[in-house]
């Protein structure tokens, strides 16, 4: 595993900043609503840019806007520098959300070296889908999301999981054809968006709260947000969102919790 030093980490962040700028350019040109979220928004509020030890960047769009963005990338994305990946255009891709990657780079996450697609430095592009207003139904949906997420993760989990029994389970789950998994995921997406709900979530990403969702209004109301000296769209009511997600978000976590993702190989821009 490669331990990124401060110089390498900063280079990764600057490449990601380049991709965030491209996302903002496309969205402004095409009238698409997006938000920087999670640690990226926290970094903007608390640090004015990247959290110093953060090695990723997150963008989220409500499902209709995500589909607009996905289509816009076909014609608007600067393909000399970037590619857009999701399971519909990238063979072997196992995630229920998209990524923009920088060409001429490499950022191999540990235990993902065998994945059969280009793995350059990336930012995540998350679609947000509806969750039921009824808590019991929302809990049931969360279990469904958990199962699909674990099946998709199985291609990596069968190598990454340290527990022998769980590794064997992942090997069995990995035998489920990807077409069947994503057909089921498509039905989940349709069901989640057949009516407008109070809350939304990323269906194939864990929600670190017992509500199993986030309030839709947070993503519907954006404001100019300065991040690394550039202006992006971020959640206007960032205080409510960040408090909900992180608690006392202005307090720095202890050093042992300031983690970066394990990387086995990396190639930066020359």
C-alpha atoms as a PDB file:
ATOM      1  CA  UNK A   1       0.000   0.000   0.000  1.00  0.00           C
ATOM      2  CA  UNK A   2       1.193   3.515  -0.831  1.00  0.00           C
ATOM      3  CA  UNK A   3       0.991   6.117   1.903  1.00  0.00           C
ATOM      4  CA  UNK A   4       0.291   9.451   0.240  1.00  0.00           C
ATOM      5  CA  UNK A   5       2.574  12.189   1.544  1.00  0.00           C
ATOM      6  CA  UNK A   6       1.368  15.782   1.749  1.00  0.00           C
ATOM      7  CA  UNK A   7       2.770  16.679  -1.669  1.00  0.00           C
ATOM      8  CA  UNK A   8       1.133  13.721  -3.439  1.00  0.00           C
ATOM      9  CA  UNK A   9      -2.168  14.269  -1.642  1.00  0.00           C
ATOM     10  CA  UNK A  10      -2.210  17.912  -2.665  1.00  0.00           C
ATOM     11  CA  UNK A  11      -1.565  16.936  -6.286  1.00  0.00           C
ATOM     12  CA  UNK A  12      -4.518  14.530  -6.149  1.00  0.00           C
ATOM     13  CA  UNK A  13      -6.707  17.271  -4.694  1.00  0.00           C
ATOM     14  CA  UNK A  14      -5.743  19.722  -7.439  1.00  0.00           C
ATOM     15  CA  UNK A  15      -6.605  17.179 -10.142  1.00  0.00           C
ATOM     16  CA  UNK A  16      -9.968  16.648  -8.480  1.00  0.00           C
ATOM     17  CA  UNK A  17     -10.458  20.410  -8.326  1.00  0.00           C
ATOM     18  CA  UNK A  18      -9.975  20.463 -12.078  1.00  0.00           C
ATOM     19  CA  UNK A  19     -12.804  17.923 -12.414  1.00  0.00           C
ATOM     20  CA  UNK A  20     -15.080  19.838 -10.028  1.00  0.00           C
ATOM     21  CA  UNK A  21     -14.547  22.909 -12.176  1.00  0.00           C
ATOM     22  CA  UNK A  22     -15.539  20.913 -15.260  1.00  0.00           C
ATOM     23  CA  UNK A  23     -18.708  19.652 -13.542  1.00  0.00           C
ATOM     24  CA  UNK A  24     -19.626  23.216 -12.604  1.00  0.00           C
ATOM     25  CA  UNK A  25     -18.982  24.430 -16.160  1.00  0.00           C
ATOM     26  CA  UNK A  26     -21.228  21.770 -17.685  1.00  0.00           C
ATOM     27  CA  UNK A  27     -23.994  22.287 -15.140  1.00  0.00           C
ATOM     28  CA  UNK A  28     -24.032  26.056 -15.532  1.00  0.00           C
ATOM     29  CA  UNK A  29     -24.070  25.756 -19.323  1.00  0.00           C
ATOM     30  CA  UNK A  30     -26.875  23.181 -19.348  1.00  0.00           C
ATOM     31  CA  UNK A  31     -28.945  24.534 -16.457  1.00  0.00           C
ATOM     32  CA  UNK A  32     -28.369  21.505 -14.236  1.00  0.00           C
ATOM     33  CA  UNK A  33     -28.681  21.783 -10.462  1.00  0.00           C
ATOM     34  CA  UNK A  34     -25.975  20.117  -8.367  1.00  0.00           C
ATOM     35  CA  UNK A  35     -24.359  20.430  -4.946  1.00  0.00           C
ATOM     36  CA  UNK A  36     -20.999  19.678  -3.460  1.00  0.00           C
ATOM     37  CA  UNK A  37     -21.763  17.501  -0.440  1.00  0.00           C
ATOM     38  CA  UNK A  38     -20.330  15.504   2.457  1.00  0.00           C
ATOM     39  CA  UNK A  39     -16.638  16.093   3.170  1.00  0.00           C
ATOM     40  CA  UNK A  40     -16.315  18.472   0.228  1.00  0.00           C
ATOM     41  CA  UNK A  41     -18.978  20.794   1.629  1.00  0.00           C
ATOM     42  CA  UNK A  42     -17.561  20.370   5.130  1.00  0.00           C
ATOM     43  CA  UNK A  43     -14.143  21.327   3.804  1.00  0.00           C
ATOM     44  CA  UNK A  44     -15.576  24.437   2.147  1.00  0.00           C
ATOM     45  CA  UNK A  45     -17.250  25.563   5.385  1.00  0.00           C
ATOM     46  CA  UNK A  46     -14.539  24.594   7.873  1.00  0.00           C
ATOM     47  CA  UNK A  47     -11.333  24.990   5.836  1.00  0.00           C
ATOM     48  CA  UNK A  48     -12.283  27.082   2.801  1.00  0.00           C
ATOM     49  CA  UNK A  49     -11.290  24.131   0.628  1.00  0.00           C
ATOM     50  CA  UNK A  50     -10.184  20.559   1.040  1.00  0.00           C
ATOM     51  CA  UNK A  51     -10.090  18.979   4.458  1.00  0.00           C
ATOM     52  CA  UNK A  52      -6.283  18.722   4.680  1.00  0.00           C
ATOM     53  CA  UNK A  53      -6.246  14.911   4.807  1.00  0.00           C
ATOM     54  CA  UNK A  54      -9.153  14.310   2.381  1.00  0.00           C
ATOM     55  CA  UNK A  55      -8.447  12.447  -0.861  1.00  0.00           C
ATOM     56  CA  UNK A  56     -11.831  12.560  -2.584  1.00  0.00           C
ATOM     57  CA  UNK A  57     -14.553  14.953  -3.716  1.00  0.00           C
ATOM     58  CA  UNK A  58     -18.303  14.442  -3.817  1.00  0.00           C
ATOM     59  CA  UNK A  59     -21.046  15.921  -5.988  1.00  0.00           C
ATOM     60  CA  UNK A  60     -24.748  15.024  -5.706  1.00  0.00           C
ATOM     61  CA  UNK A  61     -27.734  15.627  -7.965  1.00  0.00           C
ATOM     62  CA  UNK A  62     -31.379  14.698  -7.567  1.00  0.00           C
ATOM     63  CA  UNK A  63     -32.170  11.864  -9.986  1.00  0.00           C
ATOM     64  CA  UNK A  64     -33.671  13.973 -12.832  1.00  0.00           C
ATOM     65  CA  UNK A  65     -30.678  16.312 -12.707  1.00  0.00           C
ATOM     66  CA  UNK A  66     -28.268  13.358 -12.587  1.00  0.00           C
ATOM     67  CA  UNK A  67     -29.790  11.954 -15.769  1.00  0.00           C
ATOM     68  CA  UNK A  68     -29.482  15.367 -17.431  1.00  0.00           C
ATOM     69  CA  UNK A  69     -25.840  15.542 -16.378  1.00  0.00           C
ATOM     70  CA  UNK A  70     -25.143  12.024 -17.608  1.00  0.00           C
ATOM     71  CA  UNK A  71     -26.567  12.900 -21.012  1.00  0.00           C
ATOM     72  CA  UNK A  72     -24.747  16.248 -21.102  1.00  0.00           C
ATOM     73  CA  UNK A  73     -21.410  14.504 -20.556  1.00  0.00           C
ATOM     74  CA  UNK A  74     -21.778  12.778 -23.924  1.00  0.00           C
ATOM     75  CA  UNK A  75     -21.407  16.073 -25.757  1.00  0.00           C
ATOM     76  CA  UNK A  76     -20.135  18.645 -23.253  1.00  0.00           C
ATOM     77  CA  UNK A  77     -17.442  16.825 -21.257  1.00  0.00           C
ATOM     78  CA  UNK A  78     -13.887  17.678 -22.273  1.00  0.00           C
ATOM     79  CA  UNK A  79     -12.930  14.196 -23.449  1.00  0.00           C
ATOM     80  CA  UNK A  80      -9.316  15.183 -24.021  1.00  0.00           C
ATOM     81  CA  UNK A  81      -8.942  15.288 -20.230  1.00  0.00           C
ATOM     82  CA  UNK A  82     -11.825  13.409 -18.651  1.00  0.00           C
ATOM     83  CA  UNK A  83     -14.139  10.423 -18.920  1.00  0.00           C
ATOM     84  CA  UNK A  84     -17.488   9.803 -17.251  1.00  0.00           C
ATOM     85  CA  UNK A  85     -18.133   6.287 -15.963  1.00  0.00           C
ATOM     86  CA  UNK A  86     -21.194   4.515 -14.680  1.00  0.00           C
ATOM     87  CA  UNK A  87     -22.572   0.999 -14.985  1.00  0.00           C
ATOM     88  CA  UNK A  88     -24.427   1.875 -18.195  1.00  0.00           C
ATOM     89  CA  UNK A  89     -21.373   2.876 -20.204  1.00  0.00           C
ATOM     90  CA  UNK A  90     -18.457   1.066 -18.546  1.00  0.00           C
ATOM     91  CA  UNK A  91     -18.085  -2.715 -18.673  1.00  0.00           C
ATOM     92  CA  UNK A  92     -17.324  -4.250 -15.289  1.00  0.00           C
ATOM     93  CA  UNK A  93     -18.280  -1.102 -13.353  1.00  0.00           C
ATOM     94  CA  UNK A  94     -19.935  -2.174 -10.098  1.00  0.00           C
ATOM     95  CA  UNK A  95     -21.238   1.005  -8.487  1.00  0.00           C
ATOM     96  CA  UNK A  96     -24.695   2.572  -8.598  1.00  0.00           C
ATOM     97  CA  UNK A  97     -23.337   6.072  -9.111  1.00  0.00           C
ATOM     98  CA  UNK A  98     -21.014   7.781 -11.557  1.00  0.00           C
ATOM     99  CA  UNK A  99     -17.424   8.927 -11.521  1.00  0.00           C
ATOM    100  CA  UNK A 100     -15.497  11.436 -13.568  1.00  0.00           C
ATOM    101  CA  UNK A 101     -11.885  10.399 -14.005  1.00  0.00           C
ATOM    102  CA  UNK A 102      -8.821  12.265 -15.180  1.00  0.00           C
ATOM    103  CA  UNK A 103      -7.105  10.717 -18.158  1.00  0.00           C
ATOM    104  CA  UNK A 104      -3.341  10.117 -17.989  1.00  0.00           C
ATOM    105  CA  UNK A 105      -3.529   9.381 -14.242  1.00  0.00           C
ATOM    106  CA  UNK A 106      -3.808   6.256 -12.107  1.00  0.00           C
ATOM    107  CA  UNK A 107      -5.384   5.926  -8.674  1.00  0.00           C
ATOM    108  CA  UNK A 108      -5.733   2.234  -7.851  1.00  0.00           C
ATOM    109  CA  UNK A 109      -7.657   1.611  -4.666  1.00  0.00           C
ATOM    110  CA  UNK A 110      -6.376  -1.340  -2.674  1.00  0.00           C
ATOM    111  CA  UNK A 111      -8.090  -4.622  -3.662  1.00  0.00           C
ATOM    112  CA  UNK A 112      -9.554  -3.040  -6.816  1.00  0.00           C
ATOM    113  CA  UNK A 113      -6.557  -3.681  -9.055  1.00  0.00           C
ATOM    114  CA  UNK A 114      -8.478  -6.408 -10.925  1.00  0.00           C
ATOM    115  CA  UNK A 115     -11.426  -4.209 -11.882  1.00  0.00           C
ATOM    116  CA  UNK A 116     -11.518  -4.077 -15.704  1.00  0.00           C
ATOM    117  CA  UNK A 117     -11.868  -0.372 -16.408  1.00  0.00           C
ATOM    118  CA  UNK A 118      -9.755   2.774 -16.434  1.00  0.00           C
ATOM    119  CA  UNK A 119      -9.004   3.820 -12.848  1.00  0.00           C
ATOM    120  CA  UNK A 120      -7.609   7.310 -12.899  1.00  0.00           C
ATOM    121  CA  UNK A 121      -7.984   9.979 -10.224  1.00  0.00           C
ATOM    122  CA  UNK A 122     -11.720  10.591  -9.811  1.00  0.00           C
ATOM    123  CA  UNK A 123     -14.576  12.432  -8.183  1.00  0.00           C
ATOM    124  CA  UNK A 124     -17.891  10.772  -7.310  1.00  0.00           C
ATOM    125  CA  UNK A 125     -21.132  11.896  -8.964  1.00  0.00           C
ATOM    126  CA  UNK A 126     -24.034  10.700  -6.822  1.00  0.00           C
ATOM    127  CA  UNK A 127     -27.698  10.410  -7.885  1.00  0.00           C
ATOM    128  CA  UNK A 128     -30.220  11.030  -5.120  1.00  0.00           C
ATOM    129  CA  UNK A 129     -33.402   8.951  -5.132  1.00  0.00           C
ATOM    130  CA  UNK A 130     -36.530   9.139  -3.007  1.00  0.00           C
ATOM    131  CA  UNK A 131     -37.058   7.216   0.215  1.00  0.00           C
ATOM    132  CA  UNK A 132     -40.501   6.460   1.703  1.00  0.00           C
ATOM    133  CA  UNK A 133     -41.969   9.008   4.090  1.00  0.00           C
ATOM    134  CA  UNK A 134     -43.084   6.158   6.354  1.00  0.00           C
ATOM    135  CA  UNK A 135     -40.219   5.160   8.652  1.00  0.00           C
ATOM    136  CA  UNK A 136     -40.993   1.437   8.586  1.00  0.00           C
ATOM    137  CA  UNK A 137     -41.042   1.401   4.796  1.00  0.00           C
ATOM    138  CA  UNK A 138     -37.862   3.457   4.791  1.00  0.00           C
ATOM    139  CA  UNK A 139     -36.198   0.889   7.053  1.00  0.00           C
ATOM    140  CA  UNK A 140     -37.262  -1.905   4.711  1.00  0.00           C
ATOM    141  CA  UNK A 141     -35.880   0.009   1.744  1.00  0.00           C
ATOM    142  CA  UNK A 142     -32.626   0.504   3.640  1.00  0.00           C
ATOM    143  CA  UNK A 143     -32.270  -3.266   4.062  1.00  0.00           C
ATOM    144  CA  UNK A 144     -32.913  -3.697   0.340  1.00  0.00           C
ATOM    145  CA  UNK A 145     -30.229  -1.084  -0.399  1.00  0.00           C
ATOM    146  CA  UNK A 146     -27.829  -2.886   1.952  1.00  0.00           C
ATOM    147  CA  UNK A 147     -28.316  -6.184   0.097  1.00  0.00           C
ATOM    148  CA  UNK A 148     -27.771  -4.662  -3.349  1.00  0.00           C
ATOM    149  CA  UNK A 149     -24.722  -2.741  -2.121  1.00  0.00           C
ATOM    150  CA  UNK A 150     -23.135  -5.890  -0.718  1.00  0.00           C
ATOM    151  CA  UNK A 151     -23.798  -7.847  -3.906  1.00  0.00           C
ATOM    152  CA  UNK A 152     -22.195  -5.102  -5.985  1.00  0.00           C
ATOM    153  CA  UNK A 153     -19.272  -4.883  -3.548  1.00  0.00           C
ATOM    154  CA  UNK A 154     -18.729  -8.658  -3.737  1.00  0.00           C
ATOM    155  CA  UNK A 155     -16.341  -8.338  -6.700  1.00  0.00           C
ATOM    156  CA  UNK A 156     -14.012  -6.403  -4.373  1.00  0.00           C
ATOM    157  CA  UNK A 157     -15.090  -7.904  -1.066  1.00  0.00           C
ATOM    158  CA  UNK A 158     -14.032 -11.416  -2.034  1.00  0.00           C
ATOM    159  CA  UNK A 159     -10.444 -10.108  -1.889  1.00  0.00           C
ATOM    160  CA  UNK A 160     -10.686  -7.230   0.573  1.00  0.00           C
ATOM    161  CA  UNK A 161     -12.651  -8.882   3.369  1.00  0.00           C
ATOM    162  CA  UNK A 162     -10.383 -10.151   6.156  1.00  0.00           C
ATOM    163  CA  UNK A 163     -12.894 -12.622   7.609  1.00  0.00           C
ATOM    164  CA  UNK A 164     -12.642 -15.969   5.795  1.00  0.00           C
ATOM    165  CA  UNK A 165     -16.336 -16.826   6.092  1.00  0.00           C
ATOM    166  CA  UNK A 166     -17.411 -13.414   4.790  1.00  0.00           C
ATOM    167  CA  UNK A 167     -14.951 -13.757   1.901  1.00  0.00           C
ATOM    168  CA  UNK A 168     -16.645 -17.019   0.938  1.00  0.00           C
ATOM    169  CA  UNK A 169     -20.052 -15.331   1.079  1.00  0.00           C
ATOM    170  CA  UNK A 170     -18.781 -12.575  -1.193  1.00  0.00           C
ATOM    171  CA  UNK A 171     -17.478 -15.200  -3.636  1.00  0.00           C
ATOM    172  CA  UNK A 172     -20.955 -16.675  -3.833  1.00  0.00           C
ATOM    173  CA  UNK A 173     -22.592 -13.259  -4.212  1.00  0.00           C
ATOM    174  CA  UNK A 174     -20.161 -12.397  -6.983  1.00  0.00           C
ATOM    175  CA  UNK A 175     -21.620 -15.204  -9.093  1.00  0.00           C
ATOM    176  CA  UNK A 176     -24.875 -13.281  -9.487  1.00  0.00           C
ATOM    177  CA  UNK A 177     -24.819 -11.826 -13.035  1.00  0.00           C
ATOM    178  CA  UNK A 178     -24.300  -8.059 -13.082  1.00  0.00           C
ATOM    179  CA  UNK A 179     -27.171  -7.641 -15.575  1.00  0.00           C
ATOM    180  CA  UNK A 180     -29.610  -9.104 -13.056  1.00  0.00           C
ATOM    181  CA  UNK A 181     -28.300  -6.915 -10.243  1.00  0.00           C
ATOM    182  CA  UNK A 182     -28.592  -3.721 -12.250  1.00  0.00           C
ATOM    183  CA  UNK A 183     -32.011  -4.717 -13.609  1.00  0.00           C
ATOM    184  CA  UNK A 184     -33.171  -4.966 -10.008  1.00  0.00           C
ATOM    185  CA  UNK A 185     -31.422  -1.675  -9.193  1.00  0.00           C
ATOM    186  CA  UNK A 186     -33.273  -0.014 -12.094  1.00  0.00           C
ATOM    187  CA  UNK A 187     -36.591  -1.186 -10.624  1.00  0.00           C
ATOM    188  CA  UNK A 188     -35.530   0.209  -7.247  1.00  0.00           C
ATOM    189  CA  UNK A 189     -34.795   3.588  -8.848  1.00  0.00           C
ATOM    190  CA  UNK A 190     -38.166   3.656 -10.632  1.00  0.00           C
ATOM    191  CA  UNK A 191     -40.015   2.739  -7.444  1.00  0.00           C
ATOM    192  CA  UNK A 192     -38.082   5.324  -5.409  1.00  0.00           C
ATOM    193  CA  UNK A 193     -39.011   8.139  -7.770  1.00  0.00           C
ATOM    194  CA  UNK A 194     -42.622   7.400  -8.676  1.00  0.00           C
ATOM    195  CA  UNK A 195     -43.667  10.221  -6.357  1.00  0.00           C
ATOM    196  CA  UNK A 196     -41.874  13.085  -4.632  1.00  0.00           C
ATOM    197  CA  UNK A 197     -40.903  12.260  -1.071  1.00  0.00           C
ATOM    198  CA  UNK A 198     -39.659  14.361   1.836  1.00  0.00           C
ATOM    199  CA  UNK A 199     -36.283  12.604   1.966  1.00  0.00           C
ATOM    200  CA  UNK A 200     -33.749  11.220  -0.509  1.00  0.00           C
ATOM    201  CA  UNK A 201     -30.578   9.123  -0.426  1.00  0.00           C
ATOM    202  CA  UNK A 202     -27.902   7.469  -2.543  1.00  0.00           C
ATOM    203  CA  UNK A 203     -29.396   4.001  -2.890  1.00  0.00           C
ATOM    204  CA  UNK A 204     -26.101   2.133  -3.200  1.00  0.00           C
ATOM    205  CA  UNK A 205     -24.213   4.082  -0.553  1.00  0.00           C
ATOM    206  CA  UNK A 206     -24.645   3.701   3.221  1.00  0.00           C
ATOM    207  CA  UNK A 207     -26.445   6.412   5.173  1.00  0.00           C
ATOM    208  CA  UNK A 208     -24.613   6.922   8.482  1.00  0.00           C
ATOM    209  CA  UNK A 209     -27.788   7.809  10.347  1.00  0.00           C
ATOM    210  CA  UNK A 210     -30.864   6.036  11.671  1.00  0.00           C
ATOM    211  CA  UNK A 211     -33.144   8.124   9.459  1.00  0.00           C
ATOM    212  CA  UNK A 212     -31.887   6.308   6.326  1.00  0.00           C
ATOM    213  CA  UNK A 213     -32.090   9.469   4.283  1.00  0.00           C
ATOM    214  CA  UNK A 214     -31.481  13.203   3.975  1.00  0.00           C
ATOM    215  CA  UNK A 215     -33.978  15.998   3.496  1.00  0.00           C
ATOM    216  CA  UNK A 216     -34.783  16.743  -0.136  1.00  0.00           C
ATOM    217  CA  UNK A 217     -35.067  20.474   0.508  1.00  0.00           C
ATOM    218  CA  UNK A 218     -31.347  20.619   1.310  1.00  0.00           C
ATOM    219  CA  UNK A 219     -30.511  19.636  -2.262  1.00  0.00           C
ATOM    220  CA  UNK A 220     -33.214  21.796  -3.825  1.00  0.00           C
ATOM    221  CA  UNK A 221     -31.872  25.021  -2.317  1.00  0.00           C
ATOM    222  CA  UNK A 222     -28.297  25.815  -3.281  1.00  0.00           C
ATOM    223  CA  UNK A 223     -26.004  28.776  -2.797  1.00  0.00           C
ATOM    224  CA  UNK A 224     -22.659  29.903  -4.156  1.00  0.00           C
ATOM    225  CA  UNK A 225     -20.017  28.182  -2.044  1.00  0.00           C
ATOM    226  CA  UNK A 226     -16.324  29.048  -2.124  1.00  0.00           C
ATOM    227  CA  UNK A 227     -14.058  26.014  -2.270  1.00  0.00           C
ATOM    228  CA  UNK A 228     -10.327  26.374  -2.959  1.00  0.00           C
ATOM    229  CA  UNK A 229     -10.897  29.910  -4.221  1.00  0.00           C
ATOM    230  CA  UNK A 230     -13.509  28.803  -6.771  1.00  0.00           C
ATOM    231  CA  UNK A 231     -17.276  29.148  -6.604  1.00  0.00           C
ATOM    232  CA  UNK A 232     -19.379  25.990  -6.719  1.00  0.00           C
ATOM    233  CA  UNK A 233     -22.965  25.173  -5.832  1.00  0.00           C
ATOM    234  CA  UNK A 234     -23.406  23.932  -2.272  1.00  0.00           C
ATOM    235  CA  UNK A 235     -26.299  23.299   0.087  1.00  0.00           C
ATOM    236  CA  UNK A 236     -27.622  26.670   1.248  1.00  0.00           C
ATOM    237  CA  UNK A 237     -28.646  25.430   4.701  1.00  0.00           C
ATOM    238  CA  UNK A 238     -25.258  23.838   5.226  1.00  0.00           C
ATOM    239  CA  UNK A 239     -25.478  24.130   9.001  1.00  0.00           C
ATOM    240  CA  UNK A 240     -28.529  21.850   9.252  1.00  0.00           C
ATOM    241  CA  UNK A 241     -27.114  19.403   6.733  1.00  0.00           C
ATOM    242  CA  UNK A 242     -23.624  19.203   8.230  1.00  0.00           C
ATOM    243  CA  UNK A 243     -24.985  18.974  11.788  1.00  0.00           C
ATOM    244  CA  UNK A 244     -27.287  16.149  10.695  1.00  0.00           C
ATOM    245  CA  UNK A 245     -24.452  14.304   8.970  1.00  0.00           C
ATOM    246  CA  UNK A 246     -21.438  15.019  11.170  1.00  0.00           C
ATOM    247  CA  UNK A 247     -22.724  16.385  14.479  1.00  0.00           C
ATOM    248  CA  UNK A 248     -20.344  19.055  15.831  1.00  0.00           C
ATOM    249  CA  UNK A 249     -18.839  19.528  12.407  1.00  0.00           C
ATOM    250  CA  UNK A 250     -16.545  22.451  13.268  1.00  0.00           C
ATOM    251  CA  UNK A 251     -14.557  20.291  15.687  1.00  0.00           C
ATOM    252  CA  UNK A 252     -11.573  18.511  14.160  1.00  0.00           C
ATOM    253  CA  UNK A 253     -11.614  14.712  14.570  1.00  0.00           C
ATOM    254  CA  UNK A 254      -8.787  13.025  16.484  1.00  0.00           C
ATOM    255  CA  UNK A 255      -5.709  12.196  14.413  1.00  0.00           C
ATOM    256  CA  UNK A 256      -6.468   8.455  14.363  1.00  0.00           C
ATOM    257  CA  UNK A 257      -9.748   9.137  12.547  1.00  0.00           C
ATOM    258  CA  UNK A 258      -8.200  11.297   9.829  1.00  0.00           C
ATOM    259  CA  UNK A 259      -8.078   8.499   7.284  1.00  0.00           C
ATOM    260  CA  UNK A 260      -7.325   8.358   3.580  1.00  0.00           C
ATOM    261  CA  UNK A 261      -8.245   5.513   1.265  1.00  0.00           C
ATOM    262  CA  UNK A 262      -5.622   2.771   0.810  1.00  0.00           C
ATOM    263  CA  UNK A 263      -3.944   3.064  -2.603  1.00  0.00           C
ATOM    264  CA  UNK A 264      -1.799   0.365  -4.219  1.00  0.00           C
ATOM    265  CA  UNK A 265      -0.637   2.337  -7.270  1.00  0.00           C
ATOM    266  CA  UNK A 266      -0.747   5.967  -8.253  1.00  0.00           C
ATOM    267  CA  UNK A 267       0.293   8.018 -11.264  1.00  0.00           C
ATOM    268  CA  UNK A 268       0.009  11.786 -11.145  1.00  0.00           C
ATOM    269  CA  UNK A 269      -0.020  14.285 -13.964  1.00  0.00           C
ATOM    270  CA  UNK A 270       3.471  15.191 -15.117  1.00  0.00           C
END
